[in-house]
Amino acid sequence: MQLSDLLPIGRLGTVFNKTGYISFKPLEFFRPALFSKKKFYLIFNSDRVFYVTLDKVKQYQGKLYLKFVEDGIFDELKLNRKPRVMIEKEQYYQMEGDANYTRVTDYTVIFREQEIGTVQDIMEDSFQDRLIVILNDGKEVIIPDVDYFITKKDTATKKLYTQNIEELLEL
């Protein structure tokens, strides 16, 4: 598992009343249904990684608190505070049949009603995905997978419709 295969969903905070619960600050796209996955990665600033199992979730005064099955997390929190809580990207995207996620590798790219190339690969990170497109003339262009550039992902025809990419094509 590579860091690029993971998606941050929040950060851990401090221990709550020594009951084993740790405060959790979610990122803005976080959904409580993510807790159904039960398996998470804790990435500490010291480049230490814990693969953990969620035991319980508690909400108190509008804040979330998590309790994990594994030992040793408190000791690591004393040394390295506020680790990132991450989940495997594939688990996140598959969850609830996420309608916003479509793997578009090998899709034909359409711009101004013309087939201009094919999506060869996807550079994924927690900010935004970038599509690596091989144009018909053999050149490579990278298109951010955002609404400004991508208007439609047609899964039936495996076509990706684009707009506003003139300047990207000139690079």
C-alpha atoms as a PDB file:
ATOM      1  CA  MET A   1       0.000   0.000   0.000  1.00  0.00           C
ATOM      2  CA  GLN A   2       1.351   3.396  -1.045  1.00  0.00           C
ATOM      3  CA  LEU A   3       0.416   6.740   0.492  1.00  0.00           C
ATOM      4  CA  SER A   4      -1.031   7.690  -2.911  1.00  0.00           C
ATOM      5  CA  ASP A   5      -3.530   4.804  -2.512  1.00  0.00           C
ATOM      6  CA  LEU A   6      -4.976   6.435   0.612  1.00  0.00           C
ATOM      7  CA  LEU A   7      -7.423   9.269   1.123  1.00  0.00           C
ATOM      8  CA  PRO A   8      -7.315  11.460   4.253  1.00  0.00           C
ATOM      9  CA  ILE A   9     -10.653  11.741   6.051  1.00  0.00           C
ATOM     10  CA  GLY A  10      -9.566  13.684   9.144  1.00  0.00           C
ATOM     11  CA  ARG A  11      -7.125  13.963  12.063  1.00  0.00           C
ATOM     12  CA  LEU A  12      -6.973  12.551  15.546  1.00  0.00           C
ATOM     13  CA  GLY A  13      -6.726  14.946  18.468  1.00  0.00           C
ATOM     14  CA  THR A  14      -6.236  14.295  22.180  1.00  0.00           C
ATOM     15  CA  VAL A  15      -7.362  11.520  24.509  1.00  0.00           C
ATOM     16  CA  PHE A  16     -10.831  12.054  25.979  1.00  0.00           C
ATOM     17  CA  ASN A  17     -11.100  11.438  29.768  1.00  0.00           C
ATOM     18  CA  LYS A  18      -8.724   8.454  29.638  1.00  0.00           C
ATOM     19  CA  THR A  19     -11.626   6.240  28.523  1.00  0.00           C
ATOM     20  CA  GLY A  20      -9.777   5.182  25.399  1.00  0.00           C
ATOM     21  CA  TYR A  21     -11.590   7.590  23.104  1.00  0.00           C
ATOM     22  CA  ILE A  22      -9.612  10.004  20.942  1.00  0.00           C
ATOM     23  CA  SER A  23     -11.087  13.163  19.461  1.00  0.00           C
ATOM     24  CA  PHE A  24     -11.509  13.165  15.697  1.00  0.00           C
ATOM     25  CA  LYS A  25     -11.663  16.212  13.457  1.00  0.00           C
ATOM     26  CA  PRO A  26     -13.148  15.233  10.066  1.00  0.00           C
ATOM     27  CA  LEU A  27     -12.337  16.865   6.744  1.00  0.00           C
ATOM     28  CA  GLU A  28     -15.203  18.662   4.999  1.00  0.00           C
ATOM     29  CA  PHE A  29     -16.157  15.794   2.642  1.00  0.00           C
ATOM     30  CA  PHE A  30     -16.277  13.270   5.490  1.00  0.00           C
ATOM     31  CA  ARG A  31     -19.387  11.101   5.785  1.00  0.00           C
ATOM     32  CA  PRO A  32     -20.225   9.151   8.964  1.00  0.00           C
ATOM     33  CA  ALA A  33     -20.890   6.077   6.799  1.00  0.00           C
ATOM     34  CA  LEU A  34     -17.089   5.818   6.422  1.00  0.00           C
ATOM     35  CA  PHE A  35     -16.993   4.370   9.921  1.00  0.00           C
ATOM     36  CA  SER A  36     -18.690   1.248   8.578  1.00  0.00           C
ATOM     37  CA  LYS A  37     -15.365   0.317   6.938  1.00  0.00           C
ATOM     38  CA  LYS A  38     -13.737  -0.285  10.364  1.00  0.00           C
ATOM     39  CA  LYS A  39     -10.155  -0.389   8.995  1.00  0.00           C
ATOM     40  CA  PHE A  40      -8.109   2.806   8.844  1.00  0.00           C
ATOM     41  CA  TYR A  41      -4.544   4.003   8.570  1.00  0.00           C
ATOM     42  CA  LEU A  42      -3.089   6.470  11.067  1.00  0.00           C
ATOM     43  CA  ILE A  43      -0.222   8.396   9.465  1.00  0.00           C
ATOM     44  CA  PHE A  44       1.995  10.144  12.005  1.00  0.00           C
ATOM     45  CA  ASN A  45       4.412  13.002  11.230  1.00  0.00           C
ATOM     46  CA  SER A  46       7.282  10.687  12.144  1.00  0.00           C
ATOM     47  CA  ASP A  47       6.433   8.578   9.058  1.00  0.00           C
ATOM     48  CA  ARG A  48       5.065   5.880  11.341  1.00  0.00           C
ATOM     49  CA  VAL A  49       1.931   4.146  10.120  1.00  0.00           C
ATOM     50  CA  PHE A  50      -0.626   2.211  12.171  1.00  0.00           C
ATOM     51  CA  TYR A  51      -3.227   0.026  10.472  1.00  0.00           C
ATOM     52  CA  VAL A  52      -6.074   0.105  12.975  1.00  0.00           C
ATOM     53  CA  THR A  53      -9.514  -1.311  13.607  1.00  0.00           C
ATOM     54  CA  LEU A  54     -12.262   1.016  14.761  1.00  0.00           C
ATOM     55  CA  ASP A  55     -13.995  -0.315  17.879  1.00  0.00           C
ATOM     56  CA  LYS A  56     -16.501   2.425  18.760  1.00  0.00           C
ATOM     57  CA  VAL A  57     -17.586   5.922  17.762  1.00  0.00           C
ATOM     58  CA  LYS A  58     -19.062   8.380  20.208  1.00  0.00           C
ATOM     59  CA  GLN A  59     -20.452  11.870  19.782  1.00  0.00           C
ATOM     60  CA  TYR A  60     -20.271  14.264  22.705  1.00  0.00           C
ATOM     61  CA  GLN A  61     -21.152  17.973  22.606  1.00  0.00           C
ATOM     62  CA  GLY A  62     -21.134  17.973  18.827  1.00  0.00           C
ATOM     63  CA  LYS A  63     -17.673  16.389  18.511  1.00  0.00           C
ATOM     64  CA  LEU A  64     -16.688  12.920  17.377  1.00  0.00           C
ATOM     65  CA  TYR A  65     -14.521  10.543  19.399  1.00  0.00           C
ATOM     66  CA  LEU A  66     -13.051   7.251  18.189  1.00  0.00           C
ATOM     67  CA  LYS A  67     -11.892   4.177  20.065  1.00  0.00           C
ATOM     68  CA  PHE A  68      -9.603   1.646  18.400  1.00  0.00           C
ATOM     69  CA  VAL A  69      -9.024  -2.037  19.157  1.00  0.00           C
ATOM     70  CA  GLU A  70      -5.209  -1.909  18.965  1.00  0.00           C
ATOM     71  CA  ASP A  71      -2.830  -0.944  21.776  1.00  0.00           C
ATOM     72  CA  GLY A  72       0.040   1.509  21.438  1.00  0.00           C
ATOM     73  CA  ILE A  73      -1.861   4.357  19.832  1.00  0.00           C
ATOM     74  CA  PHE A  74      -1.828   6.499  23.007  1.00  0.00           C
ATOM     75  CA  ASP A  75       1.935   6.065  23.384  1.00  0.00           C
ATOM     76  CA  GLU A  76       2.462   7.184  19.794  1.00  0.00           C
ATOM     77  CA  LEU A  77       0.081  10.146  20.295  1.00  0.00           C
ATOM     78  CA  LYS A  78       2.256  11.342  23.184  1.00  0.00           C
ATOM     79  CA  LEU A  79       5.240  11.482  20.819  1.00  0.00           C
ATOM     80  CA  ASN A  80       3.553  12.537  17.601  1.00  0.00           C
ATOM     81  CA  ARG A  81       0.319  14.473  17.809  1.00  0.00           C
ATOM     82  CA  LYS A  82      -2.574  14.788  15.380  1.00  0.00           C
ATOM     83  CA  PRO A  83      -2.005  11.936  12.935  1.00  0.00           C
ATOM     84  CA  ARG A  84      -3.954  11.861   9.701  1.00  0.00           C
ATOM     85  CA  VAL A  85      -6.727   9.273   9.572  1.00  0.00           C
ATOM     86  CA  MET A  86      -6.833   7.716   6.123  1.00  0.00           C
ATOM     87  CA  ILE A  87      -8.854   5.122   4.249  1.00  0.00           C
ATOM     88  CA  GLU A  88      -8.078   3.209   1.062  1.00  0.00           C
ATOM     89  CA  LYS A  89      -9.312   5.226  -1.929  1.00  0.00           C
ATOM     90  CA  GLU A  90     -10.946   2.231  -3.552  1.00  0.00           C
ATOM     91  CA  GLN A  91     -12.977   1.565  -0.389  1.00  0.00           C
ATOM     92  CA  TYR A  92     -14.081   5.174  -0.278  1.00  0.00           C
ATOM     93  CA  TYR A  93     -15.112   5.278  -3.936  1.00  0.00           C
ATOM     94  CA  GLN A  94     -16.931   1.949  -3.808  1.00  0.00           C
ATOM     95  CA  MET A  95     -18.841   2.950  -0.694  1.00  0.00           C
ATOM     96  CA  GLU A  96     -22.529   3.421  -1.335  1.00  0.00           C
ATOM     97  CA  GLY A  97     -21.893   3.162  -5.083  1.00  0.00           C
ATOM     98  CA  ASP A  98     -20.434   6.657  -5.087  1.00  0.00           C
ATOM     99  CA  ALA A  99     -21.959   8.288  -8.178  1.00  0.00           C
ATOM    100  CA  ASN A 100     -19.169  10.865  -8.362  1.00  0.00           C
ATOM    101  CA  TYR A 101     -16.469   8.279  -8.996  1.00  0.00           C
ATOM    102  CA  THR A 102     -15.953   6.653 -12.356  1.00  0.00           C
ATOM    103  CA  ARG A 103     -12.640   5.055 -13.312  1.00  0.00           C
ATOM    104  CA  VAL A 104     -11.984   6.546 -16.737  1.00  0.00           C
ATOM    105  CA  THR A 105      -8.774   4.819 -17.799  1.00  0.00           C
ATOM    106  CA  ASP A 106      -8.986   3.931 -21.519  1.00  0.00           C
ATOM    107  CA  TYR A 107     -11.881   6.348 -22.104  1.00  0.00           C
ATOM    108  CA  THR A 108     -11.857   8.297 -25.378  1.00  0.00           C
ATOM    109  CA  VAL A 109     -11.508  12.035 -24.754  1.00  0.00           C
ATOM    110  CA  ILE A 110     -13.895  14.322 -26.641  1.00  0.00           C
ATOM    111  CA  PHE A 111     -13.286  18.050 -27.093  1.00  0.00           C
ATOM    112  CA  ARG A 112     -15.449  20.231 -29.352  1.00  0.00           C
ATOM    113  CA  GLU A 113     -17.178  17.094 -30.666  1.00  0.00           C
ATOM    114  CA  GLN A 114     -13.830  15.629 -31.831  1.00  0.00           C
ATOM    115  CA  GLU A 115     -12.001  12.570 -30.470  1.00  0.00           C
ATOM    116  CA  ILE A 116      -8.662  14.006 -29.384  1.00  0.00           C
ATOM    117  CA  GLY A 117      -7.078  11.140 -27.441  1.00  0.00           C
ATOM    118  CA  THR A 118      -7.357   8.473 -24.749  1.00  0.00           C
ATOM    119  CA  VAL A 119      -7.005   8.540 -20.968  1.00  0.00           C
ATOM    120  CA  GLN A 120      -3.876   6.485 -20.304  1.00  0.00           C
ATOM    121  CA  ASP A 121      -3.616   6.812 -16.522  1.00  0.00           C
ATOM    122  CA  ILE A 122      -4.893   8.693 -13.478  1.00  0.00           C
ATOM    123  CA  MET A 123      -2.709  10.567 -10.992  1.00  0.00           C
ATOM    124  CA  GLU A 124      -4.692  10.387  -7.779  1.00  0.00           C
ATOM    125  CA  ASP A 125      -4.206  12.388  -4.615  1.00  0.00           C
ATOM    126  CA  SER A 126      -6.317  13.789  -1.828  1.00  0.00           C
ATOM    127  CA  PHE A 127      -6.781  17.168  -3.530  1.00  0.00           C
ATOM    128  CA  GLN A 128      -7.909  16.200  -7.035  1.00  0.00           C
ATOM    129  CA  ASP A 129      -7.279  13.526  -9.605  1.00  0.00           C
ATOM    130  CA  ARG A 130      -5.452  14.401 -12.818  1.00  0.00           C
ATOM    131  CA  LEU A 131      -6.047  12.482 -16.019  1.00  0.00           C
ATOM    132  CA  ILE A 132      -3.046  11.638 -18.184  1.00  0.00           C
ATOM    133  CA  VAL A 133      -4.264  11.785 -21.765  1.00  0.00           C
ATOM    134  CA  ILE A 134      -2.335  10.616 -24.813  1.00  0.00           C
ATOM    135  CA  LEU A 135      -3.467  12.777 -27.722  1.00  0.00           C
ATOM    136  CA  ASN A 136      -3.948  11.408 -31.229  1.00  0.00           C
ATOM    137  CA  ASP A 137      -0.667  13.086 -32.302  1.00  0.00           C
ATOM    138  CA  GLY A 138       1.225  11.220 -29.536  1.00  0.00           C
ATOM    139  CA  LYS A 139       1.620  14.184 -27.190  1.00  0.00           C
ATOM    140  CA  GLU A 140       0.686  13.890 -23.527  1.00  0.00           C
ATOM    141  CA  VAL A 141      -1.560  16.318 -21.670  1.00  0.00           C
ATOM    142  CA  ILE A 142      -2.697  16.313 -18.040  1.00  0.00           C
ATOM    143  CA  ILE A 143      -6.299  17.351 -17.384  1.00  0.00           C
ATOM    144  CA  PRO A 144      -7.552  17.922 -13.821  1.00  0.00           C
ATOM    145  CA  ASP A 145     -10.636  15.815 -13.113  1.00  0.00           C
ATOM    146  CA  VAL A 146     -12.848  18.743 -12.105  1.00  0.00           C
ATOM    147  CA  ASP A 147     -16.159  20.081 -13.436  1.00  0.00           C
ATOM    148  CA  TYR A 148     -14.447  23.052 -15.063  1.00  0.00           C
ATOM    149  CA  PHE A 149     -12.706  20.697 -17.519  1.00  0.00           C
ATOM    150  CA  ILE A 150     -14.792  17.502 -17.451  1.00  0.00           C
ATOM    151  CA  THR A 151     -18.455  17.867 -18.456  1.00  0.00           C
ATOM    152  CA  LYS A 152     -19.512  14.231 -18.730  1.00  0.00           C
ATOM    153  CA  LYS A 153     -18.237  10.695 -18.151  1.00  0.00           C
ATOM    154  CA  ASP A 154     -20.264   8.379 -20.358  1.00  0.00           C
ATOM    155  CA  THR A 155     -19.793   4.869 -18.994  1.00  0.00           C
ATOM    156  CA  ALA A 156     -21.880   3.262 -21.755  1.00  0.00           C
ATOM    157  CA  THR A 157     -19.656   4.536 -24.579  1.00  0.00           C
ATOM    158  CA  LYS A 158     -16.464   4.982 -22.504  1.00  0.00           C
ATOM    159  CA  LYS A 159     -16.208   8.613 -23.582  1.00  0.00           C
ATOM    160  CA  LEU A 160     -15.031  11.567 -21.546  1.00  0.00           C
ATOM    161  CA  TYR A 161     -16.393  14.947 -22.629  1.00  0.00           C
ATOM    162  CA  THR A 162     -14.236  18.012 -21.940  1.00  0.00           C
ATOM    163  CA  GLN A 163     -14.381  21.806 -22.124  1.00  0.00           C
ATOM    164  CA  ASN A 164     -12.049  24.749 -21.416  1.00  0.00           C
ATOM    165  CA  ILE A 165      -8.895  22.758 -22.225  1.00  0.00           C
ATOM    166  CA  GLU A 166      -7.517  24.999 -24.979  1.00  0.00           C
ATOM    167  CA  GLU A 167      -4.640  26.282 -22.859  1.00  0.00           C
ATOM    168  CA  LEU A 168      -3.812  22.774 -21.606  1.00  0.00           C
ATOM    169  CA  LEU A 169      -3.511  21.571 -25.187  1.00  0.00           C
ATOM    170  CA  GLU A 170      -1.082  24.411 -26.000  1.00  0.00           C
ATOM    171  CA  LEU A 171       1.403  23.445 -23.274  1.00  0.00           C
END
